[in-house]
PDB file of N, CA and C in Angstrom:
ATOM      1  N   MET A   1       0.950  33.752 -80.690  1.00  0.00           N
ATOM      2  CA  MET A   1       1.691  35.037 -80.703  1.00  0.00           C
ATOM      3  C   MET A   1       2.191  35.351 -79.198  1.00  0.00           C
ATOM      4  N   ARG A   2       2.275  34.597 -78.433  1.00  0.00           N
ATOM      5  CA  ARG A   2       3.066  34.483 -77.125  1.00  0.00           C
ATOM      6  C   ARG A   2       4.533  34.633 -77.694  1.00  0.00           C
ATOM      7  N   ALA A   3       4.791  34.243 -78.342  1.00  0.00           N
ATOM      8  CA  ALA A   3       6.245  34.090 -79.011  1.00  0.00           C
ATOM      9  C   ALA A   3       6.850  35.312 -79.182  1.00  0.00           C
ATOM     10  N   VAL A   4       5.949  36.217 -80.028  1.00  0.00           N
ATOM     11  CA  VAL A   4       6.787  37.522 -80.617  1.00  0.00           C
ATOM     12  C   VAL A   4       7.321  38.398 -79.338  1.00  0.00           C
ATOM     13  N   PRO A   5       6.593  38.696 -77.973  1.00  0.00           N
ATOM     14  CA  PRO A   5       7.113  39.171 -76.964  1.00  0.00           C
ATOM     15  C   PRO A   5       8.380  38.690 -76.453  1.00  0.00           C
ATOM     16  N   VAL A   6       8.453  37.428 -76.107  1.00  0.00           N
ATOM     17  CA  VAL A   6       9.639  36.885 -75.589  1.00  0.00           C
ATOM     18  C   VAL A   6      11.021  37.163 -76.476  1.00  0.00           C
ATOM     19  N   LEU A   7      10.751  36.968 -78.171  1.00  0.00           N
ATOM     20  CA  LEU A   7      11.497  37.230 -79.205  1.00  0.00           C
ATOM     21  C   LEU A   7      11.946  38.740 -79.055  1.00  0.00           C
ATOM     22  N   ARG A   8      11.341  39.623 -78.392  1.00  0.00           N
ATOM     23  CA  ARG A   8      11.912  40.991 -78.647  1.00  0.00           C
ATOM     24  C   ARG A   8      12.718  41.095 -77.195  1.00  0.00           C
ATOM     25  N   ARG A   9      12.629  40.456 -76.508  1.00  0.00           N
ATOM     26  CA  ARG A   9      13.555  40.436 -75.107  1.00  0.00           C
ATOM     27  C   ARG A   9      14.878  40.049 -75.262  1.00  0.00           C
ATOM     28  N   GLU A  10      15.129  38.967 -76.244  1.00  0.00           N
ATOM     29  CA  GLU A  10      16.448  38.465 -76.863  1.00  0.00           C
ATOM     30  C   GLU A  10      17.078  39.214 -77.727  1.00  0.00           C
ATOM     31  N   PRO A  11      18.571  38.814 -77.448  1.00  0.00           N
ATOM     32  CA  PRO A  11      19.244  39.652 -78.532  1.00  0.00           C
ATOM     33  C   PRO A  11      18.866  39.614 -80.236  1.00  0.00           C
ATOM     34  N   TRP A  12      19.321  40.196 -80.850  1.00  0.00           N
ATOM     35  CA  TRP A  12      18.789  39.680 -82.059  1.00  0.00           C
ATOM     36  C   TRP A  12      19.766  38.885 -82.922  1.00  0.00           C
ATOM     37  N   THR A  13      21.009  38.604 -82.526  1.00  0.00           N
ATOM     38  CA  THR A  13      21.685  37.607 -82.973  1.00  0.00           C
ATOM     39  C   THR A  13      21.080  36.496 -82.485  1.00  0.00           C
ATOM     40  N   VAL A  14      20.659  36.141 -81.664  1.00  0.00           N
ATOM     41  CA  VAL A  14      19.966  34.794 -81.148  1.00  0.00           C
ATOM     42  C   VAL A  14      18.694  34.468 -82.437  1.00  0.00           C
ATOM     43  N   ALA A  15      18.094  35.413 -82.312  1.00  0.00           N
ATOM     44  CA  ALA A  15      16.864  35.362 -83.543  1.00  0.00           C
ATOM     45  C   ALA A  15      17.487  35.069 -84.915  1.00  0.00           C
ATOM     46  N   ALA A  16      18.516  35.741 -85.225  1.00  0.00           N
ATOM     47  CA  ALA A  16      18.994  35.597 -86.627  1.00  0.00           C
ATOM     48  C   ALA A  16      19.911  34.348 -86.909  1.00  0.00           C
ATOM     49  N   LEU A  17      20.433  33.832 -85.530  1.00  0.00           N
ATOM     50  CA  LEU A  17      21.079  32.490 -85.691  1.00  0.00           C
ATOM     51  C   LEU A  17      20.146  31.706 -85.717  1.00  0.00           C
ATOM     52  N   CYS A  18      18.930  31.592 -85.246  1.00  0.00           N
ATOM     53  CA  CYS A  18      17.905  30.621 -85.530  1.00  0.00           C
ATOM     54  C   CYS A  18      17.143  30.529 -86.836  1.00  0.00           C
ATOM     55  N   ALA A  19      17.101  31.614 -87.215  1.00  0.00           N
ATOM     56  CA  ALA A  19      16.358  31.880 -88.636  1.00  0.00           C
ATOM     57  C   ALA A  19      17.455  31.449 -89.609  1.00  0.00           C
ATOM     58  N   ALA A  20      19.079  31.640 -89.533  1.00  0.00           N
ATOM     59  CA  ALA A  20      19.889  31.365 -90.355  1.00  0.00           C
ATOM     60  C   ALA A  20      19.678  29.609 -90.316  1.00  0.00           C
ATOM     61  N   VAL A  21      19.787  29.066 -89.380  1.00  0.00           N
ATOM     62  CA  VAL A  21      19.867  27.499 -88.920  1.00  0.00           C
ATOM     63  C   VAL A  21      18.344  27.153 -89.546  1.00  0.00           C
ATOM     64  N   GLY A  22      17.264  27.721 -89.371  1.00  0.00           N
ATOM     65  CA  GLY A  22      16.243  27.037 -90.292  1.00  0.00           C
ATOM     66  C   GLY A  22      16.137  27.336 -91.757  1.00  0.00           C
ATOM     67  N   TRP A  23      16.995  28.203 -92.155  1.00  0.00           N
ATOM     68  CA  TRP A  23      17.010  28.281 -93.731  1.00  0.00           C
ATOM     69  C   TRP A  23      18.216  27.469 -94.614  1.00  0.00           C
ATOM     70  N   GLY A  24      19.095  27.464 -93.638  1.00  0.00           N
ATOM     71  CA  GLY A  24      20.222  26.791 -94.120  1.00  0.00           C
ATOM     72  C   GLY A  24      20.096  25.110 -94.441  1.00  0.00           C
ATOM     73  N   VAL A  25      19.142  24.523 -92.846  1.00  0.00           N
ATOM     74  CA  VAL A  25      19.034  23.098 -93.271  1.00  0.00           C
ATOM     75  C   VAL A  25      17.974  22.948 -94.285  1.00  0.00           C
ATOM     76  N   CYS A  26      16.790  23.973 -94.378  1.00  0.00           N
ATOM     77  CA  CYS A  26      16.081  23.521 -95.603  1.00  0.00           C
ATOM     78  C   CYS A  26      16.745  23.538 -97.109  1.00  0.00           C
ATOM     79  N   ARG A  27      17.264  24.454 -96.820  1.00  0.00           N
ATOM     80  CA  ARG A  27      18.121  24.582 -98.576  1.00  0.00           C
ATOM     81  C   ARG A  27      19.042  23.636 -98.503  1.00  0.00           C
ATOM     82  N   LEU A  28      19.557  22.959 -97.552  1.00  0.00           N
ATOM     83  CA  LEU A  28      20.625  21.905 -97.498  1.00  0.00           C
ATOM     84  C   LEU A  28      19.772  20.405 -98.342  1.00  0.00           C
ATOM     85  N   ALA A  29      18.224  20.484 -97.554  1.00  0.00           N
ATOM     86  CA  ALA A  29      17.708  19.284 -98.006  1.00  0.00           C
ATOM     87  C   ALA A  29      17.669  19.161 -99.586  1.00  0.00           C
ATOM     88  N   PHE A  30      17.317  20.369-100.214  1.00  0.00           N
ATOM     89  CA  PHE A  30      16.574  20.678-101.324  1.00  0.00           C
ATOM     90  C   PHE A  30      18.253  20.616-102.378  1.00  0.00           C
ATOM     91  N   LEU A  31      19.274  20.977-101.937  1.00  0.00           N
ATOM     92  CA  LEU A  31      20.739  20.987-102.527  1.00  0.00           C
ATOM     93  C   LEU A  31      21.047  19.621-102.844  1.00  0.00           C
ATOM     94  N   VAL A  32      20.656  18.613-101.667  1.00  0.00           N
ATOM     95  CA  VAL A  32      20.870  17.125-101.718  1.00  0.00           C
ATOM     96  C   VAL A  32      20.143  16.558-102.755  1.00  0.00           C
ATOM     97  N   GLY A  33      18.933  17.123-102.798  1.00  0.00           N
ATOM     98  CA  GLY A  33      18.078  16.465-103.980  1.00  0.00           C
ATOM     99  C   GLY A  33      18.213  16.801-105.357  1.00  0.00           C
ATOM    100  N   SER A  34      18.910  18.126-105.429  1.00  0.00           N
ATOM    101  CA  SER A  34      19.297  19.053-106.786  1.00  0.00           C
ATOM    102  C   SER A  34      20.454  18.004-107.298  1.00  0.00           C
ATOM    103  N   LEU A  35      21.392  18.042-106.343  1.00  0.00           N
ATOM    104  CA  LEU A  35      22.773  17.350-106.547  1.00  0.00           C
ATOM    105  C   LEU A  35      22.471  15.788-106.945  1.00  0.00           C
ATOM    106  N   THR A  36      21.595  15.072-106.375  1.00  0.00           N
ATOM    107  CA  THR A  36      21.059  13.671-106.486  1.00  0.00           C
ATOM    108  C   THR A  36      20.553  13.549-107.937  1.00  0.00           C
ATOM    109  N   ALA A  37      19.825  14.343-108.316  1.00  0.00           N
ATOM    110  CA  ALA A  37      19.127  14.385-109.773  1.00  0.00           C
ATOM    111  C   ALA A  37      20.232  14.735-110.389  1.00  0.00           C
ATOM    112  N   ARG A  38      20.933  15.464-110.582  1.00  0.00           N
ATOM    113  CA  ARG A  38      22.011  15.967-111.562  1.00  0.00           C
ATOM    114  C   ARG A  38      23.082  14.960-111.716  1.00  0.00           C
ATOM    115  N   ALA A  39      23.106  14.008-110.618  1.00  0.00           N
ATOM    116  CA  ALA A  39      24.153  12.733-110.525  1.00  0.00           C
ATOM    117  C   ALA A  39      23.617  12.061-111.046  1.00  0.00           C
ATOM    118  N   LEU A  40      22.366  11.612-111.103  1.00  0.00           N
ATOM    119  CA  LEU A  40      21.699  10.571-111.673  1.00  0.00           C
ATOM    120  C   LEU A  40      21.262  11.024-113.427  1.00  0.00           C
ATOM    121  N   ARG A  41      21.800  12.372-113.651  1.00  0.00           N
ATOM    122  CA  ARG A  41      21.546  13.103-114.944  1.00  0.00           C
ATOM    123  C   ARG A  41      19.971  12.610-115.377  1.00  0.00           C
ATOM    124  N   LEU A  42      19.198  13.210-114.693  1.00  0.00           N
ATOM    125  CA  LEU A  42      17.523  13.068-114.762  1.00  0.00           C
ATOM    126  C   LEU A  42      17.271  14.331-115.621  1.00  0.00           C
ATOM    127  N   PRO A  43      15.803  14.139-116.563  1.00  0.00           N
ATOM    128  CA  PRO A  43      15.668  15.302-117.415  1.00  0.00           C
ATOM    129  C   PRO A  43      14.769  16.404-116.216  1.00  0.00           C
ATOM    130  N   PRO A  44      14.754  17.395-116.619  1.00  0.00           N
ATOM    131  CA  PRO A  44      14.333  18.546-115.801  1.00  0.00           C
ATOM    132  C   PRO A  44      13.014  18.115-114.728  1.00  0.00           C
ATOM    133  N   GLY A  45      12.047  17.587-115.386  1.00  0.00           N
ATOM    134  CA  GLY A  45      10.691  17.310-114.994  1.00  0.00           C
ATOM    135  C   GLY A  45      11.098  16.109-113.792  1.00  0.00           C
ATOM    136  N   ALA A  46      11.784  15.055-113.611  1.00  0.00           N
ATOM    137  CA  ALA A  46      12.167  14.259-112.885  1.00  0.00           C
ATOM    138  C   ALA A  46      13.153  14.846-111.998  1.00  0.00           C
ATOM    139  N   GLY A  47      14.190  15.631-112.521  1.00  0.00           N
ATOM    140  CA  GLY A  47      15.018  16.187-111.841  1.00  0.00           C
ATOM    141  C   GLY A  47      14.227  16.758-110.604  1.00  0.00           C
ATOM    142  N   ALA A  48      13.280  17.681-111.153  1.00  0.00           N
ATOM    143  CA  ALA A  48      12.236  18.757-110.130  1.00  0.00           C
ATOM    144  C   ALA A  48      11.747  17.622-108.924  1.00  0.00           C
ATOM    145  N   THR A  49      11.063  16.518-109.646  1.00  0.00           N
ATOM    146  CA  THR A  49      10.795  15.713-108.822  1.00  0.00           C
ATOM    147  C   THR A  49      11.432  15.209-107.506  1.00  0.00           C
ATOM    148  N   VAL A  50      12.676  14.849-107.840  1.00  0.00           N
ATOM    149  CA  VAL A  50      13.730  14.050-106.832  1.00  0.00           C
ATOM    150  C   VAL A  50      13.954  15.391-105.902  1.00  0.00           C
ATOM    151  N   THR A  51      14.222  16.495-106.500  1.00  0.00           N
ATOM    152  CA  THR A  51      14.413  17.510-105.761  1.00  0.00           C
ATOM    153  C   THR A  51      13.451  17.792-104.305  1.00  0.00           C
ATOM    154  N   LEU A  52      12.279  17.879-105.161  1.00  0.00           N
ATOM    155  CA  LEU A  52      10.825  18.166-104.536  1.00  0.00           C
ATOM    156  C   LEU A  52      10.763  16.916-102.933  1.00  0.00           C
ATOM    157  N   ALA A  53      11.102  15.767-103.756  1.00  0.00           N
ATOM    158  CA  ALA A  53      10.878  14.604-103.001  1.00  0.00           C
ATOM    159  C   ALA A  53      11.964  14.825-101.640  1.00  0.00           C
ATOM    160  N   CYS A  54      13.070  15.253-101.760  1.00  0.00           N
ATOM    161  CA  CYS A  54      13.971  15.527-100.763  1.00  0.00           C
ATOM    162  C   CYS A  54      13.938  16.640 -99.643  1.00  0.00           C
ATOM    163  N   GLY A  55      13.340  17.503-100.304  1.00  0.00           N
ATOM    164  CA  GLY A  55      13.408  18.592 -99.675  1.00  0.00           C
ATOM    165  C   GLY A  55      12.071  19.126 -98.870  1.00  0.00           C
ATOM    166  N   MET A  56      10.948  18.571 -99.470  1.00  0.00           N
ATOM    167  CA  MET A  56       9.706  18.561 -98.511  1.00  0.00           C
ATOM    168  C   MET A  56       9.526  17.727 -97.277  1.00  0.00           C
ATOM    169  N   SER A  57       9.080  18.606 -96.322  1.00  0.00           N
ATOM    170  CA  SER A  57       8.403  17.960 -95.177  1.00  0.00           C
ATOM    171  C   SER A  57       7.406  18.566 -94.610  1.00  0.00           C
ATOM    172  N   ASN A  58       6.685  18.086 -93.623  1.00  0.00           N
ATOM    173  CA  ASN A  58       5.372  18.487 -93.310  1.00  0.00           C
ATOM    174  C   ASN A  58       5.950  19.489 -91.856  1.00  0.00           C
ATOM    175  N   VAL A  59       6.070  20.873 -92.340  1.00  0.00           N
ATOM    176  CA  VAL A  59       6.383  21.833 -91.615  1.00  0.00           C
ATOM    177  C   VAL A  59       5.238  22.057 -90.335  1.00  0.00           C
ATOM    178  N   SER A  60       4.041  22.087 -90.694  1.00  0.00           N
ATOM    179  CA  SER A  60       3.004  22.100 -89.818  1.00  0.00           C
ATOM    180  C   SER A  60       2.919  21.251 -88.889  1.00  0.00           C
ATOM    181  N   VAL A  61       3.241  20.145 -88.954  1.00  0.00           N
ATOM    182  CA  VAL A  61       3.488  18.796 -87.896  1.00  0.00           C
ATOM    183  C   VAL A  61       4.958  19.337 -87.153  1.00  0.00           C
ATOM    184  N   SER A  62       5.674  19.709 -87.549  1.00  0.00           N
ATOM    185  CA  SER A  62       6.537  19.955 -86.684  1.00  0.00           C
ATOM    186  C   SER A  62       6.690  21.102 -86.015  1.00  0.00           C
ATOM    187  N   THR A  63       5.751  22.049 -86.463  1.00  0.00           N
ATOM    188  CA  THR A  63       5.424  23.378 -85.609  1.00  0.00           C
ATOM    189  C   THR A  63       4.917  23.177 -84.357  1.00  0.00           C
ATOM    190  N   VAL A  64       3.623  22.071 -84.566  1.00  0.00           N
ATOM    191  CA  VAL A  64       2.644  21.739 -83.344  1.00  0.00           C
ATOM    192  C   VAL A  64       3.921  21.098 -82.713  1.00  0.00           C
ATOM    193  N   VAL A  65       4.531  20.215 -83.016  1.00  0.00           N
ATOM    194  CA  VAL A  65       5.505  19.551 -82.050  1.00  0.00           C
ATOM    195  C   VAL A  65       6.422  20.355 -81.312  1.00  0.00           C
ATOM    196  N   VAL A  66       6.800  21.313 -81.825  1.00  0.00           N
ATOM    197  CA  VAL A  66       7.620  22.239 -80.930  1.00  0.00           C
ATOM    198  C   VAL A  66       7.057  23.124 -79.865  1.00  0.00           C
ATOM    199  N   VAL A  67       5.970  23.432 -80.396  1.00  0.00           N
ATOM    200  CA  VAL A  67       4.938  24.314 -79.569  1.00  0.00           C
ATOM    201  C   VAL A  67       4.373  23.444 -78.370  1.00  0.00           C
ATOM    202  N   GLN A  68       4.303  22.091 -78.382  1.00  0.00           N
ATOM    203  CA  GLN A  68       3.833  21.677 -77.356  1.00  0.00           C
ATOM    204  C   GLN A  68       4.951  21.050 -76.301  1.00  0.00           C
ATOM    205  N   ALA A  69       6.363  20.577 -77.226  1.00  0.00           N
ATOM    206  CA  ALA A  69       7.342  19.916 -76.581  1.00  0.00           C
ATOM    207  C   ALA A  69       8.155  21.186 -75.622  1.00  0.00           C
ATOM    208  N   LEU A  70       8.222  22.292 -76.373  1.00  0.00           N
ATOM    209  CA  LEU A  70       9.046  23.189 -75.716  1.00  0.00           C
ATOM    210  C   LEU A  70       8.168  24.910 -75.940  1.00  0.00           C
ATOM    211  N   PRO A  71       7.328  24.391 -74.734  1.00  0.00           N
ATOM    212  CA  PRO A  71       6.669  25.901 -74.593  1.00  0.00           C
ATOM    213  C   PRO A  71       7.276  27.061 -74.546  1.00  0.00           C
ATOM    214  N   GLY A  72       8.133  27.206 -73.747  1.00  0.00           N
ATOM    215  CA  GLY A  72       8.850  28.458 -73.050  1.00  0.00           C
ATOM    216  C   GLY A  72      10.391  28.574 -74.258  1.00  0.00           C
ATOM    217  N   GLN A  73      10.174  28.158 -75.452  1.00  0.00           N
ATOM    218  CA  GLN A  73      11.535  28.176 -76.216  1.00  0.00           C
ATOM    219  C   GLN A  73      10.784  28.709 -77.589  1.00  0.00           C
ATOM    220  N   PRO A  74      10.735  29.739 -77.448  1.00  0.00           N
ATOM    221  CA  PRO A  74      10.278  30.704 -78.941  1.00  0.00           C
ATOM    222  C   PRO A  74      10.993  30.314 -80.181  1.00  0.00           C
ATOM    223  N   HIS A  75      12.398  30.015 -79.976  1.00  0.00           N
ATOM    224  CA  HIS A  75      13.713  30.274 -80.849  1.00  0.00           C
ATOM    225  C   HIS A  75      13.344  28.974 -81.645  1.00  0.00           C
ATOM    226  N   ALA A  76      13.032  28.039 -80.842  1.00  0.00           N
ATOM    227  CA  ALA A  76      12.763  26.516 -81.660  1.00  0.00           C
ATOM    228  C   ALA A  76      11.571  27.023 -82.753  1.00  0.00           C
ATOM    229  N   LEU A  77      10.388  27.704 -82.276  1.00  0.00           N
ATOM    230  CA  LEU A  77       9.292  27.826 -83.128  1.00  0.00           C
ATOM    231  C   LEU A  77       9.776  28.798 -84.308  1.00  0.00           C
ATOM    232  N   LEU A  78      10.798  29.993 -84.295  1.00  0.00           N
ATOM    233  CA  LEU A  78      11.345  30.239 -85.094  1.00  0.00           C
ATOM    234  C   LEU A  78      12.042  29.658 -86.036  1.00  0.00           C
ATOM    235  N   VAL A  79      12.747  28.664 -85.731  1.00  0.00           N
ATOM    236  CA  VAL A  79      13.707  27.824 -86.570  1.00  0.00           C
ATOM    237  C   VAL A  79      12.295  27.068 -87.519  1.00  0.00           C
ATOM    238  N   ALA A  80      11.629  26.530 -86.935  1.00  0.00           N
ATOM    239  CA  ALA A  80      10.418  26.213 -87.795  1.00  0.00           C
ATOM    240  C   ALA A  80       9.893  26.732 -88.852  1.00  0.00           C
ATOM    241  N   LEU A  81       8.962  28.167 -88.488  1.00  0.00           N
ATOM    242  CA  LEU A  81       8.860  28.784 -89.256  1.00  0.00           C
ATOM    243  C   LEU A  81       9.472  29.291 -90.088  1.00  0.00           C
ATOM    244  N   VAL A  82      10.714  29.401 -90.098  1.00  0.00           N
ATOM    245  CA  VAL A  82      11.613  29.950 -91.308  1.00  0.00           C
ATOM    246  C   VAL A  82      11.826  28.924 -92.090  1.00  0.00           C
ATOM    247  N   TYR A  83      11.904  27.707 -91.266  1.00  0.00           N
ATOM    248  CA  TYR A  83      12.157  26.377 -92.566  1.00  0.00           C
ATOM    249  C   TYR A  83      11.026  26.436 -93.455  1.00  0.00           C
ATOM    250  N   GLY A  84       9.804  26.496 -92.886  1.00  0.00           N
ATOM    251  CA  GLY A  84       8.483  26.724 -93.764  1.00  0.00           C
ATOM    252  C   GLY A  84       8.733  27.714 -94.670  1.00  0.00           C
ATOM    253  N   LEU A  85       9.118  28.709 -94.768  1.00  0.00           N
ATOM    254  CA  LEU A  85       9.083  29.911 -95.407  1.00  0.00           C
ATOM    255  C   LEU A  85      10.489  29.193 -96.435  1.00  0.00           C
ATOM    256  N   ALA A  86      11.602  28.847 -95.977  1.00  0.00           N
ATOM    257  CA  ALA A  86      12.724  28.497 -97.018  1.00  0.00           C
ATOM    258  C   ALA A  86      12.145  27.548 -97.843  1.00  0.00           C
ATOM    259  N   GLN A  87      11.197  26.552 -97.431  1.00  0.00           N
ATOM    260  CA  GLN A  87      10.804  25.388 -98.099  1.00  0.00           C
ATOM    261  C   GLN A  87       9.830  25.930 -99.109  1.00  0.00           C
ATOM    262  N   LYS A  88       9.226  26.770 -99.044  1.00  0.00           N
ATOM    263  CA  LYS A  88       7.817  27.290-100.135  1.00  0.00           C
ATOM    264  C   LYS A  88       8.962  28.147-101.178  1.00  0.00           C
ATOM    265  N   VAL A  89      10.076  28.977-100.837  1.00  0.00           N
ATOM    266  CA  VAL A  89      10.555  29.579-101.830  1.00  0.00           C
ATOM    267  C   VAL A  89      11.484  28.481-102.444  1.00  0.00           C
ATOM    268  N   SER A  90      12.120  27.414-101.980  1.00  0.00           N
ATOM    269  CA  SER A  90      12.776  26.452-102.598  1.00  0.00           C
ATOM    270  C   SER A  90      11.809  25.672-103.421  1.00  0.00           C
ATOM    271  N   ALA A  91      11.054  25.130-103.101  1.00  0.00           N
ATOM    272  CA  ALA A  91      10.259  24.296-103.963  1.00  0.00           C
ATOM    273  C   ALA A  91       9.515  25.301-105.359  1.00  0.00           C
ATOM    274  N   ARG A  92       9.306  26.501-105.174  1.00  0.00           N
ATOM    275  CA  ARG A  92       8.721  27.255-106.105  1.00  0.00           C
ATOM    276  C   ARG A  92      10.164  27.317-107.170  1.00  0.00           C
ATOM    277  N   ARG A  93      11.277  27.470-106.573  1.00  0.00           N
ATOM    278  CA  ARG A  93      12.677  27.592-107.660  1.00  0.00           C
ATOM    279  C   ARG A  93      12.827  25.979-108.091  1.00  0.00           C
ATOM    280  N   ALA A  94      12.375  24.977-107.577  1.00  0.00           N
ATOM    281  CA  ALA A  94      12.677  23.580-108.004  1.00  0.00           C
ATOM    282  C   ALA A  94      11.785  23.251-109.239  1.00  0.00           C
ATOM    283  N   VAL A  95      10.490  23.662-108.949  1.00  0.00           N
ATOM    284  CA  VAL A  95       9.285  23.808-109.831  1.00  0.00           C
ATOM    285  C   VAL A  95       9.768  24.417-111.102  1.00  0.00           C
ATOM    286  N   ALA A  96       9.992  25.595-111.115  1.00  0.00           N
ATOM    287  CA  ALA A  96      10.503  26.784-112.004  1.00  0.00           C
ATOM    288  C   ALA A  96      11.555  26.114-113.127  1.00  0.00           C
ATOM    289  N   LYS A  97      12.504  25.421-112.156  1.00  0.00           N
ATOM    290  CA  LYS A  97      13.627  25.055-113.269  1.00  0.00           C
ATOM    291  C   LYS A  97      13.253  23.772-113.843  1.00  0.00           C
ATOM    292  N   GLY A  98      12.166  22.980-112.958  1.00  0.00           N
ATOM    293  CA  GLY A  98      11.772  21.759-113.894  1.00  0.00           C
ATOM    294  C   GLY A  98      10.801  21.769-115.025  1.00  0.00           C
ATOM    295  N   ALA A  99      10.088  22.813-114.827  1.00  0.00           N
ATOM    296  CA  ALA A  99       9.215  23.458-116.052  1.00  0.00           C
ATOM    297  C   ALA A  99       9.939  23.938-117.320  1.00  0.00           C
ATOM    298  N   ALA A 100      11.687  24.280-117.354  1.00  0.00           N
ATOM    299  CA  ALA A 100      12.020  24.884-118.360  1.00  0.00           C
ATOM    300  C   ALA A 100      12.212  23.435-119.468  1.00  0.00           C
ATOM    301  N   VAL A 101      11.365  22.952-120.055  1.00  0.00           N
ATOM    302  CA  VAL A 101      11.449  22.196-121.109  1.00  0.00           C
ATOM    303  C   VAL A 101      11.203  22.563-122.361  1.00  0.00           C
ATOM    304  N   PRO A 102      12.065  22.591-123.220  1.00  0.00           N
ATOM    305  CA  PRO A 102      11.326  23.080-124.698  1.00  0.00           C
ATOM    306  C   PRO A 102      10.334  21.850-125.173  1.00  0.00           C
ATOM    307  N   PHE A 103       9.680  22.670-125.762  1.00  0.00           N
ATOM    308  CA  PHE A 103       8.673  22.151-126.352  1.00  0.00           C
ATOM    309  C   PHE A 103       8.649  21.288-127.546  1.00  0.00           C
ATOM    310  N   GLY A 104       9.861  21.496-128.501  1.00  0.00           N
ATOM    311  CA  GLY A 104       9.875  20.812-129.602  1.00  0.00           C
ATOM    312  C   GLY A 104      10.749  19.344-129.344  1.00  0.00           C
ATOM    313  N   ASP A 105      11.275  19.265-128.254  1.00  0.00           N
ATOM    314  CA  ASP A 105      12.065  18.037-128.007  1.00  0.00           C
ATOM    315  C   ASP A 105      11.585  16.790-127.365  1.00  0.00           C
ATOM    316  N   PRO A 106      11.315  16.062-128.505  1.00  0.00           N
ATOM    317  CA  PRO A 106      10.737  14.776-128.197  1.00  0.00           C
ATOM    318  C   PRO A 106      11.033  13.787-127.125  1.00  0.00           C
ATOM    319  N   ALA A 107      12.243  14.069-126.848  1.00  0.00           N
ATOM    320  CA  ALA A 107      12.800  13.018-125.869  1.00  0.00           C
ATOM    321  C   ALA A 107      12.811  13.525-124.179  1.00  0.00           C
ATOM    322  N   ARG A 108      12.480  14.822-124.307  1.00  0.00           N
ATOM    323  CA  ARG A 108      12.052  15.363-123.031  1.00  0.00           C
ATOM    324  C   ARG A 108      10.379  15.675-123.223  1.00  0.00           C
ATOM    325  N   ALA A 109       9.482  15.508-124.067  1.00  0.00           N
ATOM    326  CA  ALA A 109       8.094  15.872-123.976  1.00  0.00           C
ATOM    327  C   ALA A 109       7.445  14.867-122.897  1.00  0.00           C
ATOM    328  N   ALA A 110       8.191  14.087-122.622  1.00  0.00           N
ATOM    329  CA  ALA A 110       7.177  12.984-121.442  1.00  0.00           C
ATOM    330  C   ALA A 110       7.368  13.709-120.310  1.00  0.00           C
ATOM    331  N   SER A 111       8.301  14.549-119.822  1.00  0.00           N
ATOM    332  CA  SER A 111       8.302  15.142-118.730  1.00  0.00           C
ATOM    333  C   SER A 111       6.948  16.238-118.173  1.00  0.00           C
ATOM    334  N   ARG A 112       6.566  16.929-119.627  1.00  0.00           N
ATOM    335  CA  ARG A 112       5.438  17.886-119.385  1.00  0.00           C
ATOM    336  C   ARG A 112       4.408  17.398-120.489  1.00  0.00           C
ATOM    337  N   PRO A 113       3.154  16.860-119.916  1.00  0.00           N
ATOM    338  CA  PRO A 113       2.203  16.084-120.809  1.00  0.00           C
ATOM    339  C   PRO A 113       1.959  17.090-121.941  1.00  0.00           C
ATOM    340  N   GLU A 114       1.377  18.450-121.315  1.00  0.00           N
ATOM    341  CA  GLU A 114       0.911  19.507-122.590  1.00  0.00           C
ATOM    342  C   GLU A 114       1.851  19.483-123.655  1.00  0.00           C
ATOM    343  N   SER A 115       3.398  19.292-123.483  1.00  0.00           N
ATOM    344  CA  SER A 115       4.260  19.455-124.409  1.00  0.00           C
ATOM    345  C   SER A 115       4.443  18.223-125.218  1.00  0.00           C
ATOM    346  N   ALA A 116       3.902  17.255-124.740  1.00  0.00           N
ATOM    347  CA  ALA A 116       3.976  15.733-125.639  1.00  0.00           C
ATOM    348  C   ALA A 116       2.804  15.947-126.248  1.00  0.00           C
ATOM    349  N   VAL A 117       1.611  16.408-125.976  1.00  0.00           N
ATOM    350  CA  VAL A 117       0.451  16.350-126.765  1.00  0.00           C
ATOM    351  C   VAL A 117       1.008  17.681-128.382  1.00  0.00           C
ATOM    352  N   ARG A 118       1.514  18.771-127.695  1.00  0.00           N
ATOM    353  CA  ARG A 118       1.848  19.483-128.718  1.00  0.00           C
ATOM    354  C   ARG A 118       2.829  18.812-129.863  1.00  0.00           C
ATOM    355  N   THR A 119       4.150  18.236-129.379  1.00  0.00           N
ATOM    356  CA  THR A 119       4.916  17.378-130.133  1.00  0.00           C
ATOM    357  C   THR A 119       4.356  16.538-131.168  1.00  0.00           C
ATOM    358  N   LEU A 120       3.380  15.619-130.446  1.00  0.00           N
ATOM    359  CA  LEU A 120       2.855  14.587-131.488  1.00  0.00           C
ATOM    360  C   LEU A 120       1.732  15.231-132.142  1.00  0.00           C
ATOM    361  N   SER A 121       1.334  16.584-132.320  1.00  0.00           N
ATOM    362  CA  SER A 121       0.265  16.940-133.015  1.00  0.00           C
ATOM    363  C   SER A 121       1.172  17.817-134.169  1.00  0.00           C
ATOM    364  N   ARG A 122       2.353  18.211-133.951  1.00  0.00           N
ATOM    365  CA  ARG A 122       3.199  18.631-134.990  1.00  0.00           C
ATOM    366  C   ARG A 122       3.795  17.745-135.725  1.00  0.00           C
ATOM    367  N   GLN A 123       4.233  16.260-135.377  1.00  0.00           N
ATOM    368  CA  GLN A 123       4.506  15.329-135.989  1.00  0.00           C
ATOM    369  C   GLN A 123       3.421  14.623-136.937  1.00  0.00           C
ATOM    370  N   LYS A 124       2.221  15.017-136.275  1.00  0.00           N
ATOM    371  CA  LYS A 124       1.295  14.160-137.688  1.00  0.00           C
ATOM    372  C   LYS A 124       1.005  15.105-138.812  1.00  0.00           C
ATOM    373  N   ARG A 125       1.374  16.262-138.341  1.00  0.00           N
ATOM    374  CA  ARG A 125       0.940  17.304-139.556  1.00  0.00           C
ATOM    375  C   ARG A 125       2.134  17.119-140.807  1.00  0.00           C
TER     376      ARG A 125
END
């Protein structure tokens, strides 16, 4: 909580720039994962997995490292915190995008186990 008063004394442009850097770097990692999945022509479920693998990192550890290494630099902490927020938003988008698999398509049923069960039960009837 010691960072909040220090951030209030700094110009808002510095805080906004730090937040933009944190958001942009995180989104770039997810974009690389998404483009990789698209280039490999992966089905939605596998594409979401690749996107998450590229974009997710341990933000909690990086926040602790920033606080220990740069105790007088609250802007560095702001970058890590905004990165964590962007990571949560981006991960939710990637999972939602990968979950959009049609239930009746047997070729894509393997990406979602519950759809595979439904497809197999329909085929047996």
